[in-house]
Amino acid sequence: MPININDNLRNLRMRERYSMEDVAEIIGVSRQSVAKWENGESLPDIEKCVKLSKLYKVTLDELVNETINIADDDE
């Protein structure tokens, strides 16, 4: 099963209604880094993954191994 962290990061950001700039400021990276993660051009390091999982209130396992859709919280 492929890791779809980039899709999860995009979907979670949209679900929480954060801009890329918001996430970048909270996590302590550039907006370009967030864009690269969401576009699958690069991956966040483990420390950033921990911050992202806390920000989005998901486990690391969910962030990396699950498929998270925008509608997941609407059910």
Protein backbone atom coordinates (compact mmCIF):
# COMPACT_ATOMS: atom_id res chain seq x y z
CA MET A 1 0.00 0.00 0.00
CA PRO A 2 1.51 3.35 -1.02
CA ILE A 3 1.99 6.08 1.53
CA ASN A 4 -0.40 8.91 0.72
CA ILE A 5 0.82 11.41 3.27
CA ASN A 6 0.66 14.21 0.68
CA ASP A 7 -3.06 13.63 0.08
CA ASN A 8 -3.69 13.37 3.81
CA LEU A 9 -1.85 16.63 4.49
CA ARG A 10 -3.88 18.44 1.83
CA ASN A 11 -7.19 16.95 2.98
CA LEU A 12 -6.53 17.64 6.65
CA ARG A 13 -5.51 21.23 5.94
CA MET A 14 -8.65 21.78 3.90
CA ARG A 15 -10.81 20.08 6.53
CA GLU A 16 -9.44 22.42 9.21
CA ARG A 17 -9.70 25.41 6.83
CA TYR A 18 -6.04 26.37 7.19
CA SER A 19 -4.13 28.08 4.42
CA MET A 20 -0.67 26.82 3.51
CA GLU A 21 0.68 29.95 5.15
CA ASP A 22 -1.18 29.14 8.38
CA VAL A 23 0.28 25.63 8.53
CA ALA A 24 3.76 26.87 7.66
CA GLU A 25 3.69 29.42 10.47
CA ILE A 26 2.36 26.95 13.05
CA ILE A 27 4.82 24.19 12.11
CA GLY A 28 7.77 26.54 11.62
CA VAL A 29 8.53 25.99 7.93
CA SER A 30 8.08 27.90 4.69
CA ARG A 31 4.88 27.87 2.68
CA GLN A 32 6.92 26.31 -0.10
CA SER A 33 7.73 23.33 2.17
CA VAL A 34 4.04 22.78 2.85
CA ALA A 35 3.32 22.98 -0.89
CA LYS A 36 6.07 20.44 -1.66
CA TRP A 37 4.70 18.03 0.97
CA GLU A 38 1.17 18.32 -0.43
CA ASN A 39 2.39 17.92 -4.02
CA GLY A 40 4.44 14.83 -3.16
CA GLU A 41 7.72 16.51 -4.06
CA SER A 42 9.18 15.95 -0.59
CA LEU A 43 8.22 14.52 2.79
CA PRO A 44 8.21 16.21 6.20
CA ASP A 45 10.76 14.90 8.67
CA ILE A 46 9.57 12.98 11.72
CA GLU A 47 9.58 16.05 13.98
CA LYS A 48 7.35 17.91 11.54
CA CYS A 49 5.09 14.85 11.23
CA VAL A 50 4.62 14.87 15.00
CA LYS A 51 3.70 18.58 14.92
CA LEU A 52 1.35 18.00 11.99
CA SER A 53 -0.38 15.08 13.69
CA LYS A 54 -0.95 17.20 16.80
CA LEU A 55 -2.18 20.15 14.74
CA TYR A 56 -4.68 17.99 12.87
CA LYS A 57 -5.56 15.81 15.90
CA VAL A 58 -4.67 12.51 14.20
CA THR A 59 -2.14 9.84 15.10
CA LEU A 60 1.12 9.47 13.22
CA ASP A 61 -0.15 6.14 11.95
CA GLU A 62 -3.30 7.78 10.58
CA LEU A 63 -1.29 10.58 9.01
CA VAL A 64 1.05 8.19 7.20
CA ASN A 65 -0.87 4.95 6.67
CA GLU A 66 -4.57 5.81 6.47
CA THR A 67 -6.55 7.48 3.74
CA ILE A 68 -8.06 10.59 5.25
CA ASN A 69 -10.83 12.25 3.28
CA ILE A 70 -12.25 15.70 3.88
CA ALA A 71 -15.66 14.17 4.68
CA ASP A 72 -14.28 11.88 7.44
CA ASP A 73 -15.47 14.21 10.24
CA ASP A 74 -18.89 14.78 8.65
CA GLU A 75 -20.04 11.20 9.18
